[in-house]
Each structure stands twice: as C-alpha cells, then as structure tokens.
Amino acid sequence: MVRNEINTILDQEWGVGPEQLARAILQLSRGSVRIFNDLIHIIDPRDIIMLAQGEPPELRKKYE
C-alpha cells in the first residue's frame, strides 16, 4: 500500500518536487501507516514539506 501511494506521488504533478514530497511524507510518518495515510490526504503538499523542515510547530501538532 505505502509503495503504491509513493509511486502515485512520484507520477503526479504537485507544484513541488515529487521526490521531495515523497521523502517528506516518509520522514514524517516514521513508519506509522496511520500517520502516512493522514499525510497523503493533506490538500497542500507545501504543508507537508514545511512540516518536514520543522516549521511551524503548530502545523506539526495538527498532523501528529
């Protein structure tokens, strides 16, 4: 399932680098399928990248 979702991310246009987006989702999910599923449903992929970069904390708390 995770592999299929990552391949889907890599195959689509997001307005951000698909590799960066996939890496950010994997980093933030820390092996949790539940967190992974929450992250792939975020509307704005820039939010995911901001979370992975460690900013802002209030956005991080929203998805943990």
PDB file of N, CA and C in Angstrom:
ATOM      1  N   MET A   1       0.810  -1.184   0.000  1.00  0.00           N
ATOM      2  CA  MET A   1       0.000   0.000   0.000  1.00  0.00           C
ATOM      3  C   MET A   1       0.860   1.256   0.000  1.00  0.00           C
ATOM      4  N   VAL A   2       1.815   1.344   0.914  1.00  0.00           N
ATOM      5  CA  VAL A   2       2.677   2.520   1.003  1.00  0.00           C
ATOM      6  C   VAL A   2       3.464   2.698  -0.292  1.00  0.00           C
ATOM      7  N   ARG A   3       4.000   1.616  -0.799  1.00  0.00           N
ATOM      8  CA  ARG A   3       4.767   1.687  -2.048  1.00  0.00           C
ATOM      9  C   ARG A   3       3.895   2.205  -3.199  1.00  0.00           C
ATOM     10  N   ASN A   4       2.658   1.735  -3.283  1.00  0.00           N
ATOM     11  CA  ASN A   4       1.743   2.203  -4.338  1.00  0.00           C
ATOM     12  C   ASN A   4       1.466   3.695  -4.209  1.00  0.00           C
ATOM     13  N   GLU A   5       1.241   4.150  -2.993  1.00  0.00           N
ATOM     14  CA  GLU A   5       0.975   5.573  -2.768  1.00  0.00           C
ATOM     15  C   GLU A   5       2.197   6.425  -3.124  1.00  0.00           C
ATOM     16  N   ILE A   6       3.379   5.971  -2.749  1.00  0.00           N
ATOM     17  CA  ILE A   6       4.605   6.708  -3.085  1.00  0.00           C
ATOM     18  C   ILE A   6       4.776   6.766  -4.600  1.00  0.00           C
ATOM     19  N   ASN A   7       4.531   5.665  -5.280  1.00  0.00           N
ATOM     20  CA  ASN A   7       4.621   5.669  -6.748  1.00  0.00           C
ATOM     21  C   ASN A   7       3.615   6.638  -7.360  1.00  0.00           C
ATOM     22  N   THR A   8       2.427   6.714  -6.788  1.00  0.00           N
ATOM     23  CA  THR A   8       1.423   7.667  -7.260  1.00  0.00           C
ATOM     24  C   THR A   8       1.922   9.101  -7.072  1.00  0.00           C
ATOM     25  N   ILE A   9       2.505   9.380  -5.923  1.00  0.00           N
ATOM     26  CA  ILE A   9       3.062  10.713  -5.661  1.00  0.00           C
ATOM     27  C   ILE A   9       4.139  11.049  -6.686  1.00  0.00           C
ATOM     28  N   LEU A  10       5.007  10.094  -6.958  1.00  0.00           N
ATOM     29  CA  LEU A  10       6.112  10.327  -7.891  1.00  0.00           C
ATOM     30  C   LEU A  10       5.631  10.529  -9.328  1.00  0.00           C
ATOM     31  N   ASP A  11       4.473   9.972  -9.661  1.00  0.00           N
ATOM     32  CA  ASP A  11       3.954  10.044 -11.029  1.00  0.00           C
ATOM     33  C   ASP A  11       3.086  11.269 -11.305  1.00  0.00           C
ATOM     34  N   GLN A  12       2.758  12.053 -10.267  1.00  0.00           N
ATOM     35  CA  GLN A  12       1.839  13.169 -10.457  1.00  0.00           C
ATOM     36  C   GLN A  12       2.558  14.503 -10.303  1.00  0.00           C
ATOM     37  N   GLU A  13       1.921  15.550 -10.793  1.00  0.00           N
ATOM     38  CA  GLU A  13       2.426  16.918 -10.649  1.00  0.00           C
ATOM     39  C   GLU A  13       1.805  17.539  -9.402  1.00  0.00           C
ATOM     40  N   TRP A  14       2.636  18.082  -8.539  1.00  0.00           N
ATOM     41  CA  TRP A  14       2.165  18.616  -7.258  1.00  0.00           C
ATOM     42  C   TRP A  14       2.462  20.099  -7.069  1.00  0.00           C
ATOM     43  N   GLY A  15       3.234  20.684  -7.937  1.00  0.00           N
ATOM     44  CA  GLY A  15       3.656  22.062  -7.735  1.00  0.00           C
ATOM     45  C   GLY A  15       4.879  22.145  -6.839  1.00  0.00           C
ATOM     46  N   VAL A  16       5.332  21.001  -6.368  1.00  0.00           N
ATOM     47  CA  VAL A  16       6.587  20.857  -5.620  1.00  0.00           C
ATOM     48  C   VAL A  16       7.280  19.628  -6.186  1.00  0.00           C
ATOM     49  N   GLY A  17       8.526  19.440  -5.860  1.00  0.00           N
ATOM     50  CA  GLY A  17       9.236  18.260  -6.338  1.00  0.00           C
ATOM     51  C   GLY A  17       8.613  16.984  -5.794  1.00  0.00           C
ATOM     52  N   PRO A  18       8.215  16.049  -6.665  1.00  0.00           N
ATOM     53  CA  PRO A  18       7.578  14.821  -6.171  1.00  0.00           C
ATOM     54  C   PRO A  18       8.510  13.996  -5.278  1.00  0.00           C
ATOM     55  N   GLU A  19       9.804  14.001  -5.578  1.00  0.00           N
ATOM     56  CA  GLU A  19      10.741  13.254  -4.727  1.00  0.00           C
ATOM     57  C   GLU A  19      10.827  13.885  -3.347  1.00  0.00           C
ATOM     58  N   GLN A  20      10.859  15.220  -3.311  1.00  0.00           N
ATOM     59  CA  GLN A  20      10.902  15.928  -2.029  1.00  0.00           C
ATOM     60  C   GLN A  20       9.630  15.656  -1.232  1.00  0.00           C
ATOM     61  N   LEU A  21       8.496  15.650  -1.899  1.00  0.00           N
ATOM     62  CA  LEU A  21       7.226  15.387  -1.228  1.00  0.00           C
ATOM     63  C   LEU A  21       7.184  13.956  -0.681  1.00  0.00           C
ATOM     64  N   ALA A  22       7.578  12.988  -1.480  1.00  0.00           N
ATOM     65  CA  ALA A  22       7.585  11.586  -1.035  1.00  0.00           C
ATOM     66  C   ALA A  22       8.528  11.401   0.146  1.00  0.00           C
ATOM     67  N   ARG A  23       9.709  12.003   0.061  1.00  0.00           N
ATOM     68  CA  ARG A  23      10.691  11.892   1.148  1.00  0.00           C
ATOM     69  C   ARG A  23      10.146  12.532   2.425  1.00  0.00           C
ATOM     70  N   ALA A  24       9.492  13.679   2.308  1.00  0.00           N
ATOM     71  CA  ALA A  24       8.931  14.365   3.474  1.00  0.00           C
ATOM     72  C   ALA A  24       7.850  13.516   4.135  1.00  0.00           C
ATOM     73  N   ILE A  25       6.984  12.908   3.334  1.00  0.00           N
ATOM     74  CA  ILE A  25       5.925  12.057   3.890  1.00  0.00           C
ATOM     75  C   ILE A  25       6.526  10.862   4.619  1.00  0.00           C
ATOM     76  N   LEU A  26       7.502  10.228   4.017  1.00  0.00           N
ATOM     77  CA  LEU A  26       8.134   9.074   4.668  1.00  0.00           C
ATOM     78  C   LEU A  26       8.852   9.480   5.946  1.00  0.00           C
ATOM     79  N   GLN A  27       9.519  10.615   5.921  1.00  0.00           N
ATOM     80  CA  GLN A  27      10.229  11.102   7.102  1.00  0.00           C
ATOM     81  C   GLN A  27       9.257  11.389   8.239  1.00  0.00           C
ATOM     82  N   LEU A  28       8.186  12.086   7.925  1.00  0.00           N
ATOM     83  CA  LEU A  28       7.233  12.466   8.962  1.00  0.00           C
ATOM     84  C   LEU A  28       6.433  11.292   9.510  1.00  0.00           C
ATOM     85  N   SER A  29       6.159  10.299   8.684  1.00  0.00           N
ATOM     86  CA  SER A  29       5.343   9.173   9.145  1.00  0.00           C
ATOM     87  C   SER A  29       6.103   8.259  10.097  1.00  0.00           C
ATOM     88  N   ARG A  30       7.428   8.277  10.039  1.00  0.00           N
ATOM     89  CA  ARG A  30       8.268   7.478  10.954  1.00  0.00           C
ATOM     90  C   ARG A  30       7.795   6.025  11.069  1.00  0.00           C
ATOM     91  N   GLY A  31       7.355   5.469   9.950  1.00  0.00           N
ATOM     92  CA  GLY A  31       6.953   4.064   9.930  1.00  0.00           C
ATOM     93  C   GLY A  31       5.504   3.810  10.326  1.00  0.00           C
ATOM     94  N   SER A  32       4.773   4.843  10.668  1.00  0.00           N
ATOM     95  CA  SER A  32       3.372   4.689  11.069  1.00  0.00           C
ATOM     96  C   SER A  32       2.474   4.799   9.839  1.00  0.00           C
ATOM     97  N   VAL A  33       1.737   3.737   9.560  1.00  0.00           N
ATOM     98  CA  VAL A  33       0.820   3.752   8.422  1.00  0.00           C
ATOM     99  C   VAL A  33      -0.309   4.751   8.665  1.00  0.00           C
ATOM    100  N   ARG A  34      -0.745   4.891   9.892  1.00  0.00           N
ATOM    101  CA  ARG A  34      -1.806   5.850  10.214  1.00  0.00           C
ATOM    102  C   ARG A  34      -1.359   7.277   9.895  1.00  0.00           C
ATOM    103  N   ILE A  35      -0.171   7.650  10.338  1.00  0.00           N
ATOM    104  CA  ILE A  35       0.346   8.995  10.054  1.00  0.00           C
ATOM    105  C   ILE A  35       0.577   9.154   8.555  1.00  0.00           C
ATOM    106  N   PHE A  36       1.109   8.125   7.907  1.00  0.00           N
ATOM    107  CA  PHE A  36       1.318   8.161   6.454  1.00  0.00           C
ATOM    108  C   PHE A  36       0.005   8.475   5.747  1.00  0.00           C
ATOM    109  N   ASN A  37      -1.062   7.766   6.112  1.00  0.00           N
ATOM    110  CA  ASN A  37      -2.378   7.991   5.495  1.00  0.00           C
ATOM    111  C   ASN A  37      -2.896   9.399   5.759  1.00  0.00           C
ATOM    112  N   ASP A  38      -2.678   9.907   6.964  1.00  0.00           N
ATOM    113  CA  ASP A  38      -3.101  11.282   7.266  1.00  0.00           C
ATOM    114  C   ASP A  38      -2.352  12.277   6.383  1.00  0.00           C
ATOM    115  N   LEU A  39      -1.064  12.059   6.214  1.00  0.00           N
ATOM    116  CA  LEU A  39      -0.243  12.995   5.449  1.00  0.00           C
ATOM    117  C   LEU A  39      -0.581  12.988   3.962  1.00  0.00           C
ATOM    118  N   ILE A  40      -0.865  11.835   3.394  1.00  0.00           N
ATOM    119  CA  ILE A  40      -1.130  11.808   1.954  1.00  0.00           C
ATOM    120  C   ILE A  40      -2.469  12.444   1.610  1.00  0.00           C
ATOM    121  N   HIS A  41      -3.292  12.720   2.616  1.00  0.00           N
ATOM    122  CA  HIS A  41      -4.582  13.363   2.364  1.00  0.00           C
ATOM    123  C   HIS A  41      -4.561  14.865   2.629  1.00  0.00           C
ATOM    124  N   ILE A  42      -3.397  15.423   2.943  1.00  0.00           N
ATOM    125  CA  ILE A  42      -3.286  16.870   3.107  1.00  0.00           C
ATOM    126  C   ILE A  42      -3.433  17.505   1.730  1.00  0.00           C
ATOM    127  N   ILE A  43      -4.244  18.537   1.654  1.00  0.00           N
ATOM    128  CA  ILE A  43      -4.553  19.180   0.379  1.00  0.00           C
ATOM    129  C   ILE A  43      -3.336  19.889  -0.222  1.00  0.00           C
ATOM    130  N   ASP A  44      -2.602  20.628   0.586  1.00  0.00           N
ATOM    131  CA  ASP A  44      -1.486  21.432   0.084  1.00  0.00           C
ATOM    132  C   ASP A  44      -0.164  20.731   0.377  1.00  0.00           C
ATOM    133  N   PRO A  45       0.528  20.211  -0.636  1.00  0.00           N
ATOM    134  CA  PRO A  45       1.777  19.496  -0.397  1.00  0.00           C
ATOM    135  C   PRO A  45       2.864  20.377   0.213  1.00  0.00           C
ATOM    136  N   ARG A  46       2.746  21.683   0.072  1.00  0.00           N
ATOM    137  CA  ARG A  46       3.730  22.576   0.699  1.00  0.00           C
ATOM    138  C   ARG A  46       3.671  22.472   2.211  1.00  0.00           C
ATOM    139  N   ASP A  47       2.478  22.185   2.769  1.00  0.00           N
ATOM    140  CA  ASP A  47       2.355  21.994   4.217  1.00  0.00           C
ATOM    141  C   ASP A  47       3.194  20.805   4.675  1.00  0.00           C
ATOM    142  N   ILE A  48       3.196  19.740   3.901  1.00  0.00           N
ATOM    143  CA  ILE A  48       3.970  18.546   4.252  1.00  0.00           C
ATOM    144  C   ILE A  48       5.456  18.867   4.248  1.00  0.00           C
ATOM    145  N   ILE A  49       5.902  19.578   3.238  1.00  0.00           N
ATOM    146  CA  ILE A  49       7.321  19.927   3.155  1.00  0.00           C
ATOM    147  C   ILE A  49       7.705  20.854   4.299  1.00  0.00           C
ATOM    148  N   MET A  50       6.835  21.804   4.648  1.00  0.00           N
ATOM    149  CA  MET A  50       7.108  22.688   5.787  1.00  0.00           C
ATOM    150  C   MET A  50       7.201  21.888   7.087  1.00  0.00           C
ATOM    151  N   LEU A  51       6.313  20.919   7.247  1.00  0.00           N
ATOM    152  CA  LEU A  51       6.372  20.063   8.431  1.00  0.00           C
ATOM    153  C   LEU A  51       7.701  19.323   8.504  1.00  0.00           C
ATOM    154  N   ALA A  52       8.124  18.777   7.386  1.00  0.00           N
ATOM    155  CA  ALA A  52       9.371  18.008   7.352  1.00  0.00           C
ATOM    156  C   ALA A  52      10.580  18.890   7.637  1.00  0.00           C
ATOM    157  N   GLN A  53      10.485  20.154   7.293  1.00  0.00           N
ATOM    158  CA  GLN A  53      11.581  21.087   7.547  1.00  0.00           C
ATOM    159  C   GLN A  53      11.552  21.613   8.975  1.00  0.00           C
ATOM    160  N   GLY A  54      10.545  21.211   9.724  1.00  0.00           N
ATOM    161  CA  GLY A  54      10.479  21.568  11.130  1.00  0.00           C
ATOM    162  C   GLY A  54       9.789  22.882  11.421  1.00  0.00           C
ATOM    163  N   GLU A  55       8.972  23.360  10.531  1.00  0.00           N
ATOM    164  CA  GLU A  55       8.279  24.604  10.778  1.00  0.00           C
ATOM    165  C   GLU A  55       6.888  24.578  10.187  1.00  0.00           C
ATOM    166  N   PRO A  56       5.957  25.207  10.735  1.00  0.00           N
ATOM    167  CA  PRO A  56       5.863  25.715  12.103  1.00  0.00           C
ATOM    168  C   PRO A  56       5.368  24.629  13.050  1.00  0.00           C
ATOM    169  N   PRO A  57       5.686  24.725  14.328  1.00  0.00           N
ATOM    170  CA  PRO A  57       5.289  23.686  15.291  1.00  0.00           C
ATOM    171  C   PRO A  57       3.786  23.454  15.367  1.00  0.00           C
ATOM    172  N   GLU A  58       2.983  24.527  15.261  1.00  0.00           N
ATOM    173  CA  GLU A  58       1.532  24.347  15.381  1.00  0.00           C
ATOM    174  C   GLU A  58       0.975  23.523  14.221  1.00  0.00           C
ATOM    175  N   LEU A  59       1.598  23.619  13.048  1.00  0.00           N
ATOM    176  CA  LEU A  59       1.181  22.801  11.908  1.00  0.00           C
ATOM    177  C   LEU A  59       1.571  21.339  12.139  1.00  0.00           C
ATOM    178  N   ARG A  60       2.754  21.110  12.708  1.00  0.00           N
ATOM    179  CA  ARG A  60       3.211  19.752  13.003  1.00  0.00           C
ATOM    180  C   ARG A  60       2.241  19.067  13.966  1.00  0.00           C
ATOM    181  N   LYS A  61       1.831  19.756  15.019  1.00  0.00           N
ATOM    182  CA  LYS A  61       0.937  19.173  16.027  1.00  0.00           C
ATOM    183  C   LYS A  61      -0.397  18.765  15.412  1.00  0.00           C
ATOM    184  N   LYS A  62      -0.830  19.497  14.409  1.00  0.00           N
ATOM    185  CA  LYS A  62      -2.111  19.209  13.770  1.00  0.00           C
ATOM    186  C   LYS A  62      -2.152  17.826  13.153  1.00  0.00           C
ATOM    187  N   TYR A  63      -1.008  17.317  12.662  1.00  0.00           N
ATOM    188  CA  TYR A  63      -0.980  16.047  11.947  1.00  0.00           C
ATOM    189  C   TYR A  63      -0.306  14.918  12.712  1.00  0.00           C
ATOM    190  N   GLU A  64       0.082  15.143  13.958  1.00  0.00           N
ATOM    191  CA  GLU A  64       0.704  14.056  14.741  1.00  0.00           C
ATOM    192  C   GLU A  64      -0.309  13.352  15.598  1.00  0.00           C
TER     193      GLU A  64
END
